[in-house]
Amino acid sequence: MLQKRTFTLFIVSLCTTILLSFFIYQKLTLLSFINISFIIAGSLLFLSLLTMTVKGGFFDGISYGFRRMFISKGQELSKKEINEMTPVSELLNFDHSPILFCGLLMTAIMLVALFIYYL
């Protein structure tokens, strides 16, 4: 199942790279493919690393501090209400690995195309 999602996301991002190259540069060249694939691969990698950071609980302490500081509807929140709130790390429940693998594949293809461009 993970491989199917990764492959589907990879095909979609590859088609998006080609279509954006046609729309932005009005032609498909190796340089335009490299430029657009860099942006897409970087976005995918950034999104996957951000979700890994959030799921790891890095922002749980920050959100807990904000919960204690803010007042809800003119009244302070009780400790029970604060402790019953779901941490930020538990709010994300999707698997980030297809996005990570797709970003790595797009980066690898971009690097191969870059190597061919400079030969």
C-alpha atoms as a PDB file:
ATOM      1  CA  MET A   1       0.000   0.000   0.000  1.00  0.00           C
ATOM      2  CA  LEU A   2       2.858   2.368   0.835  1.00  0.00           C
ATOM      3  CA  GLN A   3       4.534   1.637  -2.493  1.00  0.00           C
ATOM      4  CA  LYS A   4       1.300   2.297  -4.389  1.00  0.00           C
ATOM      5  CA  ARG A   5       0.824   5.690  -2.713  1.00  0.00           C
ATOM      6  CA  THR A   6       4.450   6.615  -3.301  1.00  0.00           C
ATOM      7  CA  PHE A   7       4.282   5.587  -6.967  1.00  0.00           C
ATOM      8  CA  THR A   8       1.015   7.477  -7.512  1.00  0.00           C
ATOM      9  CA  LEU A   9       2.361  10.613  -5.838  1.00  0.00           C
ATOM     10  CA  PHE A  10       5.569  10.305  -7.862  1.00  0.00           C
ATOM     11  CA  ILE A  11       3.681  10.050 -11.171  1.00  0.00           C
ATOM     12  CA  VAL A  12       1.482  13.015 -10.235  1.00  0.00           C
ATOM     13  CA  SER A  13       4.484  15.146  -9.264  1.00  0.00           C
ATOM     14  CA  LEU A  14       6.339  14.170 -12.442  1.00  0.00           C
ATOM     15  CA  CYS A  15       3.336  15.100 -14.607  1.00  0.00           C
ATOM     16  CA  THR A  16       2.972  18.339 -12.648  1.00  0.00           C
ATOM     17  CA  THR A  17       6.627  19.119 -13.312  1.00  0.00           C
ATOM     18  CA  ILE A  18       6.172  18.627 -17.056  1.00  0.00           C
ATOM     19  CA  LEU A  19       2.933  20.625 -17.181  1.00  0.00           C
ATOM     20  CA  LEU A  20       4.374  23.497 -15.155  1.00  0.00           C
ATOM     21  CA  SER A  21       7.395  23.542 -17.430  1.00  0.00           C
ATOM     22  CA  PHE A  22       5.082  23.983 -20.422  1.00  0.00           C
ATOM     23  CA  PHE A  23       3.013  26.673 -18.702  1.00  0.00           C
ATOM     24  CA  ILE A  24       5.893  28.711 -17.276  1.00  0.00           C
ATOM     25  CA  TYR A  25       8.572  28.333 -19.972  1.00  0.00           C
ATOM     26  CA  GLN A  26       6.262  27.537 -22.977  1.00  0.00           C
ATOM     27  CA  LYS A  27       8.548  24.618 -23.850  1.00  0.00           C
ATOM     28  CA  LEU A  28      10.041  21.542 -22.264  1.00  0.00           C
ATOM     29  CA  THR A  29      13.799  21.747 -21.980  1.00  0.00           C
ATOM     30  CA  LEU A  30      16.168  19.999 -19.636  1.00  0.00           C
ATOM     31  CA  LEU A  31      16.869  23.228 -17.774  1.00  0.00           C
ATOM     32  CA  SER A  32      13.189  24.033 -17.271  1.00  0.00           C
ATOM     33  CA  PHE A  33      12.571  20.467 -16.056  1.00  0.00           C
ATOM     34  CA  ILE A  34      15.441  20.803 -13.569  1.00  0.00           C
ATOM     35  CA  ASN A  35      14.155  24.151 -12.286  1.00  0.00           C
ATOM     36  CA  ILE A  36      10.569  23.012 -11.761  1.00  0.00           C
ATOM     37  CA  SER A  37      11.535  19.620 -10.321  1.00  0.00           C
ATOM     38  CA  PHE A  38      13.787  21.369  -7.800  1.00  0.00           C
ATOM     39  CA  ILE A  39      10.846  23.412  -6.537  1.00  0.00           C
ATOM     40  CA  ILE A  40       8.490  20.425  -6.363  1.00  0.00           C
ATOM     41  CA  ALA A  41      11.045  18.110  -4.742  1.00  0.00           C
ATOM     42  CA  GLY A  42      12.004  20.775  -2.226  1.00  0.00           C
ATOM     43  CA  SER A  43       8.358  21.390  -1.364  1.00  0.00           C
ATOM     44  CA  LEU A  44       7.697  17.681  -0.866  1.00  0.00           C
ATOM     45  CA  LEU A  45      10.777  17.239   1.298  1.00  0.00           C
ATOM     46  CA  PHE A  46       9.942  20.329   3.353  1.00  0.00           C
ATOM     47  CA  LEU A  47       6.376  19.130   3.911  1.00  0.00           C
ATOM     48  CA  SER A  48       7.472  15.649   4.950  1.00  0.00           C
ATOM     49  CA  LEU A  49      10.162  16.949   7.315  1.00  0.00           C
ATOM     50  CA  LEU A  50       7.711  19.433   8.831  1.00  0.00           C
ATOM     51  CA  THR A  51       5.182  16.669   9.514  1.00  0.00           C
ATOM     52  CA  MET A  52       7.920  14.493  11.011  1.00  0.00           C
ATOM     53  CA  THR A  53       8.862  17.342  13.347  1.00  0.00           C
ATOM     54  CA  VAL A  54       5.279  17.997  14.394  1.00  0.00           C
ATOM     55  CA  LYS A  55       4.526  14.285  14.863  1.00  0.00           C
ATOM     56  CA  GLY A  56       7.660  13.935  16.963  1.00  0.00           C
ATOM     57  CA  GLY A  57       6.190  16.267  19.571  1.00  0.00           C
ATOM     58  CA  PHE A  58       8.501  19.227  19.083  1.00  0.00           C
ATOM     59  CA  PHE A  59       5.653  21.752  19.190  1.00  0.00           C
ATOM     60  CA  ASP A  60       3.678  20.096  22.011  1.00  0.00           C
ATOM     61  CA  GLY A  61       5.391  22.137  24.716  1.00  0.00           C
ATOM     62  CA  ILE A  62       4.860  25.368  22.821  1.00  0.00           C
ATOM     63  CA  SER A  63       1.168  24.671  22.277  1.00  0.00           C
ATOM     64  CA  TYR A  64       0.768  23.651  25.937  1.00  0.00           C
ATOM     65  CA  GLY A  65       2.273  26.978  26.999  1.00  0.00           C
ATOM     66  CA  PHE A  66      -0.077  28.914  24.719  1.00  0.00           C
ATOM     67  CA  ARG A  67      -3.044  26.986  26.079  1.00  0.00           C
ATOM     68  CA  ARG A  68      -2.163  27.993  29.609  1.00  0.00           C
ATOM     69  CA  MET A  69      -1.636  31.609  28.647  1.00  0.00           C
ATOM     70  CA  PHE A  70      -4.778  32.303  26.618  1.00  0.00           C
ATOM     71  CA  ILE A  71      -8.185  32.881  28.114  1.00  0.00           C
ATOM     72  CA  SER A  72     -11.217  31.164  26.611  1.00  0.00           C
ATOM     73  CA  LYS A  73     -14.507  33.127  26.423  1.00  0.00           C
ATOM     74  CA  GLY A  74     -13.468  35.563  29.140  1.00  0.00           C
ATOM     75  CA  GLN A  75     -12.692  32.822  31.666  1.00  0.00           C
ATOM     76  CA  GLU A  76      -9.446  31.122  32.420  1.00  0.00           C
ATOM     77  CA  LEU A  77      -9.150  27.491  31.447  1.00  0.00           C
ATOM     78  CA  SER A  78      -8.967  24.977  34.248  1.00  0.00           C
ATOM     79  CA  LYS A  79      -6.082  22.526  34.474  1.00  0.00           C
ATOM     80  CA  LYS A  80      -8.481  19.721  33.599  1.00  0.00           C
ATOM     81  CA  GLU A  81      -9.517  21.488  30.374  1.00  0.00           C
ATOM     82  CA  ILE A  82      -5.894  22.137  29.461  1.00  0.00           C
ATOM     83  CA  ASN A  83      -4.886  18.523  30.061  1.00  0.00           C
ATOM     84  CA  GLU A  84      -7.859  17.174  28.097  1.00  0.00           C
ATOM     85  CA  MET A  85      -6.859  19.053  24.937  1.00  0.00           C
ATOM     86  CA  THR A  86      -5.241  16.899  22.288  1.00  0.00           C
ATOM     87  CA  PRO A  87      -1.526  17.602  21.736  1.00  0.00           C
ATOM     88  CA  VAL A  88      -0.483  18.865  18.319  1.00  0.00           C
ATOM     89  CA  SER A  89       1.517  15.696  17.643  1.00  0.00           C
ATOM     90  CA  GLU A  90      -1.631  13.583  17.915  1.00  0.00           C
ATOM     91  CA  LEU A  91      -3.628  15.748  15.507  1.00  0.00           C
ATOM     92  CA  LEU A  92      -1.651  14.580  12.472  1.00  0.00           C
ATOM     93  CA  ASN A  93      -2.610  11.016  11.764  1.00  0.00           C
ATOM     94  CA  PHE A  94      -1.474  10.452   8.186  1.00  0.00           C
ATOM     95  CA  ASP A  95       1.658   8.669   7.045  1.00  0.00           C
ATOM     96  CA  HIS A  96       4.385  11.061   5.877  1.00  0.00           C
ATOM     97  CA  SER A  97       6.664   8.435   4.319  1.00  0.00           C
ATOM     98  CA  PRO A  98       5.106   8.458   0.788  1.00  0.00           C
ATOM     99  CA  ILE A  99       5.722  12.213   0.621  1.00  0.00           C
ATOM    100  CA  LEU A 100       9.291  11.737   1.840  1.00  0.00           C
ATOM    101  CA  PHE A 101      10.082   8.950  -0.624  1.00  0.00           C
ATOM    102  CA  CYS A 102       8.500  10.867  -3.501  1.00  0.00           C
ATOM    103  CA  GLY A 103      10.546  13.948  -2.613  1.00  0.00           C
ATOM    104  CA  LEU A 104      13.709  11.843  -2.524  1.00  0.00           C
ATOM    105  CA  LEU A 105      12.869  10.264  -5.908  1.00  0.00           C
ATOM    106  CA  MET A 106      12.212  13.669  -7.448  1.00  0.00           C
ATOM    107  CA  THR A 107      15.500  14.933  -6.013  1.00  0.00           C
ATOM    108  CA  ALA A 108      17.338  11.943  -7.480  1.00  0.00           C
ATOM    109  CA  ILE A 109      15.788  12.518 -10.918  1.00  0.00           C
ATOM    110  CA  MET A 110      16.639  16.215 -10.711  1.00  0.00           C
ATOM    111  CA  LEU A 111      20.261  15.391  -9.851  1.00  0.00           C
ATOM    112  CA  VAL A 112      20.524  12.923 -12.758  1.00  0.00           C
ATOM    113  CA  ALA A 113      19.084  15.552 -15.107  1.00  0.00           C
ATOM    114  CA  LEU A 114      21.514  18.110 -13.689  1.00  0.00           C
ATOM    115  CA  PHE A 115      24.419  15.747 -14.258  1.00  0.00           C
ATOM    116  CA  ILE A 116      23.289  15.198 -17.883  1.00  0.00           C
ATOM    117  CA  TYR A 117      22.886  18.962 -18.366  1.00  0.00           C
ATOM    118  CA  TYR A 118      26.473  19.668 -17.313  1.00  0.00           C
ATOM    119  CA  LEU A 119      28.002  16.925 -19.487  1.00  0.00           C
END
